[in-house]
Amino acid sequence: MLNHPYSELFDQFQKLNQKLEKIEILLEGKSEPKPEINETLYTVKTLAERWQCNPQTILKKKLKGELPFIQHGRKILFSKAAIDELTTVSLSKKGR
């Protein structure tokens, strides 16, 4: 290999170019878009409104592990399907 001052820079450029080519191949091969998630999510506020309770009640239930949740950064979300299932199970237990 040459000991030219720009040889290291040239090597880095070649490596980047190879990575770029791989990315382009991956993008070209992508034929179908990813399916969208059509699941409804509740925030603490919207779930509290639905259940007609204080948002602190929702947070306490979350901390006790009584509510399944998804955390995205600082945002806490609850799956409508999971909440509906939980509500159905709770109502069936009360009806016994």
N, C-alpha and C. Protein backbone atom coordinates (compact mmCIF):
# COMPACT_ATOMS: atom_id res chain seq x y z
N MET A 1 0.85 -1.19 0.00
CA MET A 1 0.00 0.00 0.00
C MET A 1 0.88 1.24 0.00
N LEU A 2 0.40 2.27 -0.63
CA LEU A 2 1.15 3.53 -0.68
C LEU A 2 1.16 4.21 0.67
N ASN A 3 2.23 4.89 0.97
CA ASN A 3 2.31 5.67 2.19
C ASN A 3 2.04 7.13 1.90
N HIS A 4 1.11 7.36 1.05
CA HIS A 4 0.72 8.71 0.69
C HIS A 4 -0.14 9.28 1.81
N PRO A 5 -0.05 10.59 2.09
CA PRO A 5 -0.83 11.17 3.19
C PRO A 5 -2.35 10.98 3.01
N TYR A 6 -2.78 10.82 1.79
CA TYR A 6 -4.22 10.69 1.55
C TYR A 6 -4.67 9.23 1.44
N SER A 7 -3.75 8.29 1.57
CA SER A 7 -4.10 6.88 1.40
C SER A 7 -5.11 6.41 2.46
N GLU A 8 -4.94 6.84 3.71
CA GLU A 8 -5.88 6.47 4.78
C GLU A 8 -7.26 7.05 4.50
N LEU A 9 -7.29 8.29 4.05
CA LEU A 9 -8.56 8.93 3.69
C LEU A 9 -9.22 8.20 2.53
N PHE A 10 -8.43 7.80 1.55
CA PHE A 10 -8.95 7.07 0.40
C PHE A 10 -9.53 5.72 0.84
N ASP A 11 -8.86 5.03 1.76
CA ASP A 11 -9.36 3.75 2.28
C ASP A 11 -10.70 3.94 2.99
N GLN A 12 -10.80 4.98 3.79
CA GLN A 12 -12.06 5.26 4.49
C GLN A 12 -13.17 5.57 3.48
N PHE A 13 -12.83 6.31 2.44
CA PHE A 13 -13.80 6.63 1.41
C PHE A 13 -14.29 5.35 0.73
N GLN A 14 -13.39 4.42 0.43
CA GLN A 14 -13.78 3.17 -0.20
C GLN A 14 -14.71 2.35 0.69
N LYS A 15 -14.40 2.30 1.97
CA LYS A 15 -15.24 1.56 2.91
C LYS A 15 -16.64 2.18 2.99
N LEU A 16 -16.69 3.49 3.04
CA LEU A 16 -17.99 4.17 3.07
C LEU A 16 -18.77 3.92 1.79
N ASN A 17 -18.07 3.94 0.68
CA ASN A 17 -18.71 3.71 -0.60
C ASN A 17 -19.28 2.29 -0.67
N GLN A 18 -18.55 1.30 -0.15
CA GLN A 18 -19.04 -0.07 -0.11
C GLN A 18 -20.29 -0.19 0.76
N LYS A 19 -20.28 0.49 1.90
CA LYS A 19 -21.45 0.48 2.78
C LYS A 19 -22.65 1.12 2.10
N LEU A 20 -22.41 2.21 1.40
CA LEU A 20 -23.47 2.90 0.67
C LEU A 20 -24.06 1.99 -0.41
N GLU A 21 -23.22 1.27 -1.11
CA GLU A 21 -23.70 0.34 -2.14
C GLU A 21 -24.58 -0.75 -1.52
N LYS A 22 -24.19 -1.27 -0.34
CA LYS A 22 -24.99 -2.27 0.34
C LYS A 22 -26.35 -1.71 0.75
N ILE A 23 -26.36 -0.48 1.23
CA ILE A 23 -27.61 0.17 1.62
C ILE A 23 -28.51 0.34 0.41
N GLU A 24 -27.95 0.77 -0.71
CA GLU A 24 -28.72 0.95 -1.93
C GLU A 24 -29.32 -0.37 -2.39
N ILE A 25 -28.56 -1.46 -2.29
CA ILE A 25 -29.06 -2.78 -2.68
C ILE A 25 -30.24 -3.18 -1.78
N LEU A 26 -30.09 -2.93 -0.48
CA LEU A 26 -31.17 -3.27 0.44
C LEU A 26 -32.43 -2.46 0.14
N LEU A 27 -32.24 -1.18 -0.15
CA LEU A 27 -33.39 -0.32 -0.45
C LEU A 27 -34.07 -0.72 -1.75
N GLU A 28 -33.31 -1.09 -2.73
CA GLU A 28 -33.88 -1.51 -4.02
C GLU A 28 -34.63 -2.82 -3.89
N GLY A 29 -34.15 -3.70 -3.04
CA GLY A 29 -34.77 -5.00 -2.84
C GLY A 29 -36.04 -4.95 -2.02
N LYS A 30 -36.30 -3.82 -1.43
CA LYS A 30 -37.47 -3.68 -0.58
C LYS A 30 -38.69 -3.47 -1.46
N SER A 31 -39.51 -4.52 -1.62
CA SER A 31 -40.64 -4.44 -2.53
C SER A 31 -41.94 -4.05 -1.86
N GLU A 32 -42.13 -4.43 -0.60
CA GLU A 32 -43.38 -4.14 0.08
C GLU A 32 -43.12 -3.27 1.30
N PRO A 33 -43.99 -2.28 1.52
CA PRO A 33 -43.83 -1.47 2.74
C PRO A 33 -44.22 -2.30 3.96
N LYS A 34 -43.68 -1.93 5.10
CA LYS A 34 -44.01 -2.63 6.34
C LYS A 34 -45.50 -2.41 6.64
N PRO A 35 -46.15 -3.43 7.16
CA PRO A 35 -47.57 -3.27 7.49
C PRO A 35 -47.74 -2.25 8.61
N GLU A 36 -48.80 -1.49 8.53
CA GLU A 36 -49.07 -0.49 9.56
C GLU A 36 -49.72 -1.17 10.76
N ILE A 37 -49.43 -0.66 11.91
CA ILE A 37 -50.07 -1.17 13.12
C ILE A 37 -51.34 -0.33 13.31
N ASN A 38 -52.47 -0.99 13.25
CA ASN A 38 -53.75 -0.29 13.36
C ASN A 38 -54.36 -0.45 14.74
N GLU A 39 -53.53 -0.66 15.72
CA GLU A 39 -54.01 -0.85 17.08
C GLU A 39 -54.26 0.50 17.75
N THR A 40 -55.39 0.60 18.41
CA THR A 40 -55.71 1.82 19.13
C THR A 40 -54.98 1.80 20.47
N LEU A 41 -54.41 2.93 20.81
CA LEU A 41 -53.69 3.06 22.07
C LEU A 41 -54.31 4.18 22.91
N TYR A 42 -54.36 3.96 24.20
CA TYR A 42 -54.83 4.98 25.13
C TYR A 42 -53.62 5.60 25.83
N THR A 43 -53.71 6.89 26.11
CA THR A 43 -52.75 7.53 27.00
C THR A 43 -53.32 7.42 28.41
N VAL A 44 -52.55 7.84 29.40
CA VAL A 44 -53.05 7.82 30.78
C VAL A 44 -54.32 8.66 30.85
N LYS A 45 -54.29 9.82 30.22
CA LYS A 45 -55.43 10.74 30.27
C LYS A 45 -56.67 10.14 29.59
N THR A 46 -56.49 9.58 28.39
CA THR A 46 -57.66 9.06 27.67
C THR A 46 -58.24 7.83 28.36
N LEU A 47 -57.39 6.98 28.96
CA LEU A 47 -57.90 5.82 29.70
C LEU A 47 -58.63 6.28 30.96
N ALA A 48 -58.11 7.29 31.63
CA ALA A 48 -58.77 7.83 32.82
C ALA A 48 -60.14 8.41 32.44
N GLU A 49 -60.21 9.08 31.30
CA GLU A 49 -61.49 9.62 30.84
C GLU A 49 -62.47 8.49 30.53
N ARG A 50 -61.97 7.44 29.89
CA ARG A 50 -62.84 6.30 29.56
C ARG A 50 -63.37 5.63 30.82
N TRP A 51 -62.52 5.45 31.80
CA TRP A 51 -62.93 4.80 33.04
C TRP A 51 -63.53 5.78 34.06
N GLN A 52 -63.56 7.05 33.70
CA GLN A 52 -64.09 8.11 34.56
C GLN A 52 -63.43 8.08 35.94
N CYS A 53 -62.11 8.16 35.91
CA CYS A 53 -61.35 8.19 37.15
C CYS A 53 -60.20 9.19 37.00
N ASN A 54 -59.48 9.37 38.07
CA ASN A 54 -58.34 10.28 38.08
C ASN A 54 -57.15 9.63 37.37
N PRO A 55 -56.38 10.39 36.58
CA PRO A 55 -55.19 9.82 35.93
C PRO A 55 -54.22 9.18 36.93
N GLN A 56 -54.18 9.69 38.17
CA GLN A 56 -53.30 9.10 39.19
C GLN A 56 -53.71 7.65 39.51
N THR A 57 -55.00 7.36 39.41
CA THR A 57 -55.49 6.00 39.64
C THR A 57 -54.91 5.06 38.58
N ILE A 58 -54.88 5.52 37.34
CA ILE A 58 -54.32 4.73 36.24
C ILE A 58 -52.83 4.48 36.49
N LEU A 59 -52.12 5.53 36.88
CA LEU A 59 -50.68 5.39 37.15
C LEU A 59 -50.40 4.44 38.31
N LYS A 60 -51.23 4.49 39.35
CA LYS A 60 -51.05 3.58 40.49
C LYS A 60 -51.27 2.13 40.06
N LYS A 61 -52.31 1.90 39.25
CA LYS A 61 -52.58 0.54 38.76
C LYS A 61 -51.44 0.05 37.87
N LYS A 62 -50.86 0.95 37.09
CA LYS A 62 -49.71 0.60 36.23
C LYS A 62 -48.53 0.19 37.10
N LEU A 63 -48.24 0.98 38.15
CA LEU A 63 -47.11 0.69 39.03
C LEU A 63 -47.29 -0.61 39.80
N LYS A 64 -48.54 -0.96 40.13
CA LYS A 64 -48.83 -2.21 40.83
C LYS A 64 -48.77 -3.41 39.90
N GLY A 65 -48.68 -3.14 38.58
CA GLY A 65 -48.65 -4.24 37.62
C GLY A 65 -50.03 -4.73 37.22
N GLU A 66 -51.05 -3.95 37.55
CA GLU A 66 -52.42 -4.35 37.24
C GLU A 66 -52.82 -4.02 35.81
N LEU A 67 -52.08 -3.12 35.16
CA LEU A 67 -52.39 -2.73 33.79
C LEU A 67 -51.19 -2.98 32.88
N PRO A 68 -51.41 -3.71 31.78
CA PRO A 68 -50.31 -3.87 30.81
C PRO A 68 -50.10 -2.55 30.07
N PHE A 69 -48.85 -2.18 29.86
CA PHE A 69 -48.59 -0.90 29.21
C PHE A 69 -47.38 -0.99 28.30
N ILE A 70 -47.27 0.03 27.45
CA ILE A 70 -46.14 0.18 26.55
C ILE A 70 -45.53 1.53 26.89
N GLN A 71 -44.23 1.57 27.04
CA GLN A 71 -43.57 2.85 27.31
C GLN A 71 -42.71 3.22 26.11
N HIS A 72 -42.99 4.38 25.56
CA HIS A 72 -42.23 4.90 24.43
C HIS A 72 -41.62 6.22 24.87
N GLY A 73 -40.34 6.17 25.28
CA GLY A 73 -39.73 7.37 25.85
C GLY A 73 -40.40 7.64 27.18
N ARG A 74 -40.93 8.83 27.32
CA ARG A 74 -41.62 9.19 28.56
C ARG A 74 -43.12 8.94 28.47
N LYS A 75 -43.59 8.61 27.26
CA LYS A 75 -45.01 8.42 27.04
C LYS A 75 -45.42 7.00 27.45
N ILE A 76 -46.51 6.92 28.22
CA ILE A 76 -47.05 5.64 28.66
C ILE A 76 -48.32 5.39 27.87
N LEU A 77 -48.39 4.22 27.23
CA LEU A 77 -49.54 3.89 26.39
C LEU A 77 -50.12 2.55 26.81
N PHE A 78 -51.43 2.43 26.61
CA PHE A 78 -52.15 1.21 26.93
C PHE A 78 -52.86 0.73 25.68
N SER A 79 -52.72 -0.54 25.37
CA SER A 79 -53.37 -1.13 24.21
C SER A 79 -54.86 -1.27 24.47
N LYS A 80 -55.68 -0.80 23.52
CA LYS A 80 -57.13 -0.91 23.65
C LYS A 80 -57.53 -2.38 23.76
N ALA A 81 -56.92 -3.24 22.94
CA ALA A 81 -57.25 -4.66 22.98
C ALA A 81 -56.95 -5.27 24.35
N ALA A 82 -55.80 -4.93 24.92
CA ALA A 82 -55.43 -5.47 26.23
C ALA A 82 -56.35 -4.93 27.33
N ILE A 83 -56.69 -3.65 27.25
CA ILE A 83 -57.58 -3.05 28.24
C ILE A 83 -58.97 -3.64 28.12
N ASP A 84 -59.47 -3.83 26.88
CA ASP A 84 -60.79 -4.43 26.68
C ASP A 84 -60.83 -5.85 27.25
N GLU A 85 -59.75 -6.61 27.01
CA GLU A 85 -59.68 -7.97 27.53
C GLU A 85 -59.66 -7.97 29.05
N LEU A 86 -58.89 -7.06 29.62
CA LEU A 86 -58.80 -6.94 31.07
C LEU A 86 -60.15 -6.57 31.66
N THR A 87 -60.84 -5.65 31.00
CA THR A 87 -62.16 -5.20 31.46
C THR A 87 -63.16 -6.36 31.38
N THR A 88 -63.11 -7.13 30.30
CA THR A 88 -64.01 -8.27 30.13
C THR A 88 -63.77 -9.31 31.22
N VAL A 89 -62.50 -9.60 31.50
CA VAL A 89 -62.16 -10.57 32.54
C VAL A 89 -62.63 -10.07 33.90
N SER A 90 -62.44 -8.79 34.18
CA SER A 90 -62.86 -8.21 35.47
C SER A 90 -64.37 -8.27 35.63
N LEU A 91 -65.09 -7.96 34.55
CA LEU A 91 -66.56 -7.99 34.61
C LEU A 91 -67.07 -9.42 34.78
N SER A 92 -66.43 -10.38 34.15
CA SER A 92 -66.87 -11.78 34.28
C SER A 92 -66.62 -12.30 35.70
N LYS A 93 -65.55 -11.84 36.34
CA LYS A 93 -65.27 -12.24 37.73
C LYS A 93 -66.29 -11.64 38.68
N LYS A 94 -66.73 -10.40 38.40
CA LYS A 94 -67.72 -9.75 39.28
C LYS A 94 -69.08 -10.40 39.14
N GLY A 95 -69.37 -10.98 37.97
CA GLY A 95 -70.66 -11.58 37.73
C GLY A 95 -70.83 -12.95 38.34
N ARG A 96 -69.80 -13.51 38.93
CA ARG A 96 -69.86 -14.85 39.53
C ARG A 96 -70.71 -14.89 40.74
